[in-house]
Amino acid sequence: SDAQFVGLENYRQILNGSINECNDINKAFFSVSSGMSLIIYLEKMYIVETRNYPSRSIGEPDTEKTIRGSKDGFSENIIVNVGLIRRRIKSDQFCCKIYQIGKGSKCDVVVCAINDRVNRNTLRQVEKHLQDLKVDHLTMSDRKLEEEMFYQGFNPFPLVRYSERPD
């Protein structure tokens, strides 16, 4: 064939996922550790989204059964969960900001808000708490995050309400 392979940037339109050029070896290592693929070609590194984690399907939460309303609940996949919320909030003011918490675990945490309704001071406080967290791992994820953000330590009385429902 007369066609010559000149680089991966010419083949972005045929991929079903994302491909990004990467210049940082630490970012590349973290991406591979997270389940992505790394392609090295012509002294360039490309990170390809190939993750596929096992997860449970969307179903009614066992702890929050309802007679009225939706019958779906959050799953372990953060993208699916944001999609469930987005299905109900069809506003262009709805936004999500993702944070990676923990030096070792790099657990994904998403802060969702509706821009024209959110209390800006409260949002800034939550974002500042998330950015200032100095933890290695979030072993019990949501409970550990609550303890660290609100300086709760060991206290049997929760300061945060949890829900398994997107509505």
C-alpha atoms as a PDB file:
ATOM      1  CA  SER A   1       0.000   0.000   0.000  1.00  0.00           C
ATOM      2  CA  ASP A   2       1.161   3.530  -0.760  1.00  0.00           C
ATOM      3  CA  ALA A   3      -0.477   4.908   2.412  1.00  0.00           C
ATOM      4  CA  GLN A   4       1.957   5.570   5.209  1.00  0.00           C
ATOM      5  CA  PHE A   5       1.125   5.475   8.934  1.00  0.00           C
ATOM      6  CA  VAL A   6       2.112   8.951  10.177  1.00  0.00           C
ATOM      7  CA  GLY A   7       0.675   9.028  13.690  1.00  0.00           C
ATOM      8  CA  LEU A   8      -2.278   8.195  15.889  1.00  0.00           C
ATOM      9  CA  GLU A   9      -3.757  11.696  15.660  1.00  0.00           C
ATOM     10  CA  ASN A  10      -5.057  10.826  12.173  1.00  0.00           C
ATOM     11  CA  TYR A  11      -7.097   7.903  13.511  1.00  0.00           C
ATOM     12  CA  ARG A  12      -9.074   9.614  16.296  1.00  0.00           C
ATOM     13  CA  GLN A  13     -12.341   9.475  14.374  1.00  0.00           C
ATOM     14  CA  ILE A  14     -12.399   5.665  14.211  1.00  0.00           C
ATOM     15  CA  LEU A  15     -12.010   5.090  17.956  1.00  0.00           C
ATOM     16  CA  ASN A  16     -14.973   4.468  20.203  1.00  0.00           C
ATOM     17  CA  GLY A  17     -13.512   6.209  23.233  1.00  0.00           C
ATOM     18  CA  SER A  18     -10.897   8.805  23.895  1.00  0.00           C
ATOM     19  CA  ILE A  19      -7.253   9.000  22.998  1.00  0.00           C
ATOM     20  CA  ASN A  20      -4.992  11.708  24.353  1.00  0.00           C
ATOM     21  CA  GLU A  21      -1.353  12.474  23.851  1.00  0.00           C
ATOM     22  CA  CYS A  22       0.594  12.419  27.109  1.00  0.00           C
ATOM     23  CA  ASN A  23       3.976  13.973  27.900  1.00  0.00           C
ATOM     24  CA  ASP A  24       4.112  13.171  31.636  1.00  0.00           C
ATOM     25  CA  ILE A  25       5.375   9.708  32.635  1.00  0.00           C
ATOM     26  CA  ASN A  26       3.640   9.963  36.051  1.00  0.00           C
ATOM     27  CA  LYS A  27       0.290  10.672  34.396  1.00  0.00           C
ATOM     28  CA  ALA A  28       0.887   7.765  32.021  1.00  0.00           C
ATOM     29  CA  PHE A  29       1.697   5.438  34.924  1.00  0.00           C
ATOM     30  CA  PHE A  30      -1.428   6.512  36.806  1.00  0.00           C
ATOM     31  CA  SER A  31      -3.568   6.006  33.693  1.00  0.00           C
ATOM     32  CA  VAL A  32      -2.248   2.478  33.156  1.00  0.00           C
ATOM     33  CA  SER A  33      -2.816   1.751  36.868  1.00  0.00           C
ATOM     34  CA  SER A  34      -6.420   2.906  36.399  1.00  0.00           C
ATOM     35  CA  GLY A  35      -7.057   0.433  33.575  1.00  0.00           C
ATOM     36  CA  MET A  36      -6.314   2.551  30.523  1.00  0.00           C
ATOM     37  CA  SER A  37      -3.991   1.491  27.728  1.00  0.00           C
ATOM     38  CA  LEU A  38      -0.767   3.215  26.793  1.00  0.00           C
ATOM     39  CA  ILE A  39       0.525   3.275  23.236  1.00  0.00           C
ATOM     40  CA  ILE A  40       4.047   4.467  22.589  1.00  0.00           C
ATOM     41  CA  TYR A  41       4.691   5.338  18.958  1.00  0.00           C
ATOM     42  CA  LEU A  42       7.373   7.514  17.390  1.00  0.00           C
ATOM     43  CA  GLU A  43       8.618   8.703  20.795  1.00  0.00           C
ATOM     44  CA  LYS A  44       5.144   9.877  21.801  1.00  0.00           C
ATOM     45  CA  MET A  45       2.814   8.400  24.415  1.00  0.00           C
ATOM     46  CA  TYR A  46      -0.919   8.075  23.843  1.00  0.00           C
ATOM     47  CA  ILE A  47      -3.424   7.189  26.564  1.00  0.00           C
ATOM     48  CA  VAL A  48      -6.409   5.232  25.262  1.00  0.00           C
ATOM     49  CA  GLU A  49      -9.629   4.862  27.265  1.00  0.00           C
ATOM     50  CA  THR A  50     -10.178   1.095  27.414  1.00  0.00           C
ATOM     51  CA  ARG A  51     -11.543   0.676  30.955  1.00  0.00           C
ATOM     52  CA  ASN A  52     -14.433  -1.669  31.530  1.00  0.00           C
ATOM     53  CA  TYR A  53     -15.187  -2.383  35.173  1.00  0.00           C
ATOM     54  CA  PRO A  54     -17.747  -4.895  36.364  1.00  0.00           C
ATOM     55  CA  SER A  55     -20.720  -3.175  37.959  1.00  0.00           C
ATOM     56  CA  ARG A  56     -24.214  -3.889  39.098  1.00  0.00           C
ATOM     57  CA  SER A  57     -27.125  -2.722  37.003  1.00  0.00           C
ATOM     58  CA  ILE A  58     -29.318   0.237  37.820  1.00  0.00           C
ATOM     59  CA  GLY A  59     -32.102  -0.963  40.090  1.00  0.00           C
ATOM     60  CA  GLU A  60     -34.307   0.104  42.965  1.00  0.00           C
ATOM     61  CA  PRO A  61     -32.264   0.570  46.151  1.00  0.00           C
ATOM     62  CA  ASP A  62     -32.986  -2.042  48.834  1.00  0.00           C
ATOM     63  CA  THR A  63     -32.927   0.524  51.642  1.00  0.00           C
ATOM     64  CA  GLU A  64     -35.068   3.208  49.958  1.00  0.00           C
ATOM     65  CA  LYS A  65     -38.103   1.563  48.393  1.00  0.00           C
ATOM     66  CA  THR A  66     -40.848   3.884  47.184  1.00  0.00           C
ATOM     67  CA  ILE A  67     -44.417   3.623  45.979  1.00  0.00           C
ATOM     68  CA  ARG A  68     -44.174   6.734  43.814  1.00  0.00           C
ATOM     69  CA  GLY A  69     -41.314   8.063  41.770  1.00  0.00           C
ATOM     70  CA  SER A  70     -38.439   6.437  39.981  1.00  0.00           C
ATOM     71  CA  LYS A  71     -37.309   2.894  40.640  1.00  0.00           C
ATOM     72  CA  ASP A  72     -33.639   3.360  39.861  1.00  0.00           C
ATOM     73  CA  GLY A  73     -30.694   3.919  42.155  1.00  0.00           C
ATOM     74  CA  PHE A  74     -27.032   4.798  42.054  1.00  0.00           C
ATOM     75  CA  SER A  75     -24.444   2.203  41.069  1.00  0.00           C
ATOM     76  CA  GLU A  76     -20.674   2.121  41.606  1.00  0.00           C
ATOM     77  CA  ASN A  77     -19.955   3.845  38.276  1.00  0.00           C
ATOM     78  CA  ILE A  78     -19.636   7.606  38.746  1.00  0.00           C
ATOM     79  CA  ILE A  79     -20.402   8.353  35.068  1.00  0.00           C
ATOM     80  CA  VAL A  80     -23.656   6.361  35.234  1.00  0.00           C
ATOM     81  CA  ASN A  81     -24.606   8.137  38.474  1.00  0.00           C
ATOM     82  CA  VAL A  82     -24.076  11.587  36.954  1.00  0.00           C
ATOM     83  CA  GLY A  83     -26.125  10.435  33.961  1.00  0.00           C
ATOM     84  CA  LEU A  84     -28.989   9.437  36.284  1.00  0.00           C
ATOM     85  CA  ILE A  85     -28.942  12.885  37.866  1.00  0.00           C
ATOM     86  CA  ARG A  86     -28.649  14.580  34.467  1.00  0.00           C
ATOM     87  CA  ARG A  87     -31.733  12.674  33.268  1.00  0.00           C
ATOM     88  CA  ARG A  88     -33.767  14.492  35.934  1.00  0.00           C
ATOM     89  CA  ILE A  89     -32.043  17.883  35.885  1.00  0.00           C
ATOM     90  CA  LYS A  90     -32.145  19.075  32.292  1.00  0.00           C
ATOM     91  CA  SER A  91     -30.794  22.519  33.081  1.00  0.00           C
ATOM     92  CA  ASP A  92     -27.755  24.034  31.406  1.00  0.00           C
ATOM     93  CA  GLN A  93     -26.937  25.427  34.868  1.00  0.00           C
ATOM     94  CA  PHE A  94     -26.285  21.922  36.253  1.00  0.00           C
ATOM     95  CA  CYS A  95     -22.548  21.319  36.497  1.00  0.00           C
ATOM     96  CA  CYS A  96     -20.246  18.702  37.971  1.00  0.00           C
ATOM     97  CA  LYS A  97     -16.647  19.101  39.076  1.00  0.00           C
ATOM     98  CA  ILE A  98     -14.519  16.024  39.653  1.00  0.00           C
ATOM     99  CA  TYR A  99     -11.764  15.714  42.257  1.00  0.00           C
ATOM    100  CA  GLN A 100      -9.292  12.922  42.891  1.00  0.00           C
ATOM    101  CA  ILE A 101      -8.863  12.417  46.615  1.00  0.00           C
ATOM    102  CA  GLY A 102      -6.093  10.431  48.297  1.00  0.00           C
ATOM    103  CA  LYS A 103      -2.441  10.057  47.420  1.00  0.00           C
ATOM    104  CA  GLY A 104      -2.654   6.287  47.022  1.00  0.00           C
ATOM    105  CA  SER A 105      -6.250   5.528  46.128  1.00  0.00           C
ATOM    106  CA  LYS A 106      -6.986   8.601  43.966  1.00  0.00           C
ATOM    107  CA  CYS A 107     -10.697   8.102  44.576  1.00  0.00           C
ATOM    108  CA  ASP A 108     -12.991  10.120  42.291  1.00  0.00           C
ATOM    109  CA  VAL A 109     -15.325  12.540  44.079  1.00  0.00           C
ATOM    110  CA  VAL A 110     -17.824  14.676  42.175  1.00  0.00           C
ATOM    111  CA  VAL A 111     -19.410  17.885  43.412  1.00  0.00           C
ATOM    112  CA  CYS A 112     -22.674  18.609  41.604  1.00  0.00           C
ATOM    113  CA  ALA A 113     -24.463  21.952  41.745  1.00  0.00           C
ATOM    114  CA  ILE A 114     -27.020  24.034  39.902  1.00  0.00           C
ATOM    115  CA  ASN A 115     -25.175  27.310  39.258  1.00  0.00           C
ATOM    116  CA  ASP A 116     -28.102  29.704  39.545  1.00  0.00           C
ATOM    117  CA  ARG A 117     -29.378  28.103  42.790  1.00  0.00           C
ATOM    118  CA  VAL A 118     -26.276  27.116  44.740  1.00  0.00           C
ATOM    119  CA  ASN A 119     -25.079  29.072  47.760  1.00  0.00           C
ATOM    120  CA  ARG A 120     -21.653  30.196  46.494  1.00  0.00           C
ATOM    121  CA  ASN A 121     -20.091  30.404  49.966  1.00  0.00           C
ATOM    122  CA  THR A 122     -21.109  26.842  50.819  1.00  0.00           C
ATOM    123  CA  LEU A 123     -19.853  25.579  47.460  1.00  0.00           C
ATOM    124  CA  ARG A 124     -16.496  27.333  47.963  1.00  0.00           C
ATOM    125  CA  GLN A 125     -16.189  25.816  51.448  1.00  0.00           C
ATOM    126  CA  VAL A 126     -16.881  22.299  50.163  1.00  0.00           C
ATOM    127  CA  GLU A 127     -14.395  22.711  47.293  1.00  0.00           C
ATOM    128  CA  LYS A 128     -11.760  24.129  49.656  1.00  0.00           C
ATOM    129  CA  HIS A 129     -12.217  21.207  52.056  1.00  0.00           C
ATOM    130  CA  LEU A 130     -11.802  18.752  49.178  1.00  0.00           C
ATOM    131  CA  GLN A 131      -8.688  20.479  47.858  1.00  0.00           C
ATOM    132  CA  ASP A 132      -7.109  20.688  51.333  1.00  0.00           C
ATOM    133  CA  LEU A 133      -7.623  17.016  52.232  1.00  0.00           C
ATOM    134  CA  LYS A 134      -4.364  15.250  53.047  1.00  0.00           C
ATOM    135  CA  VAL A 135      -5.204  11.528  53.098  1.00  0.00           C
ATOM    136  CA  ASP A 136      -3.462   8.503  51.618  1.00  0.00           C
ATOM    137  CA  HIS A 137      -6.510   6.308  51.027  1.00  0.00           C
ATOM    138  CA  LEU A 138     -10.268   6.583  51.342  1.00  0.00           C
ATOM    139  CA  THR A 139     -10.803   3.025  52.568  1.00  0.00           C
ATOM    140  CA  MET A 140     -14.470   3.405  53.513  1.00  0.00           C
ATOM    141  CA  SER A 141     -14.861   6.106  50.876  1.00  0.00           C
ATOM    142  CA  ASP A 142     -17.959   8.129  51.828  1.00  0.00           C
ATOM    143  CA  ARG A 143     -17.659   7.702  55.616  1.00  0.00           C
ATOM    144  CA  LYS A 144     -13.914   8.476  55.603  1.00  0.00           C
ATOM    145  CA  LEU A 145     -14.510  11.480  53.334  1.00  0.00           C
ATOM    146  CA  GLU A 146     -17.177  12.789  55.728  1.00  0.00           C
ATOM    147  CA  GLU A 147     -14.844  12.409  58.720  1.00  0.00           C
ATOM    148  CA  GLU A 148     -11.986  14.198  56.970  1.00  0.00           C
ATOM    149  CA  MET A 149     -14.067  17.052  55.546  1.00  0.00           C
ATOM    150  CA  PHE A 150     -15.978  17.880  58.721  1.00  0.00           C
ATOM    151  CA  TYR A 151     -13.184  17.058  61.181  1.00  0.00           C
ATOM    152  CA  GLN A 152     -15.583  14.625  62.754  1.00  0.00           C
ATOM    153  CA  GLY A 153     -13.179  11.938  63.982  1.00  0.00           C
ATOM    154  CA  PHE A 154     -15.021   9.189  65.831  1.00  0.00           C
ATOM    155  CA  ASN A 155     -18.597  10.315  66.341  1.00  0.00           C
ATOM    156  CA  PRO A 156     -21.659   8.055  66.106  1.00  0.00           C
ATOM    157  CA  PHE A 157     -23.883  10.914  64.934  1.00  0.00           C
ATOM    158  CA  PRO A 158     -23.670  11.533  61.172  1.00  0.00           C
ATOM    159  CA  LEU A 159     -23.401  15.048  59.755  1.00  0.00           C
ATOM    160  CA  VAL A 160     -24.182  14.006  56.172  1.00  0.00           C
ATOM    161  CA  ARG A 161     -27.305  12.392  54.752  1.00  0.00           C
ATOM    162  CA  TYR A 162     -26.770   9.587  52.254  1.00  0.00           C
ATOM    163  CA  SER A 163     -29.144   8.598  49.489  1.00  0.00           C
ATOM    164  CA  GLU A 164     -29.058   5.824  46.911  1.00  0.00           C
ATOM    165  CA  ARG A 165     -31.592   7.610  44.735  1.00  0.00           C
ATOM    166  CA  PRO A 166     -30.831  10.077  41.923  1.00  0.00           C
ATOM    167  CA  ASP A 167     -34.105  11.963  42.394  1.00  0.00           C
END
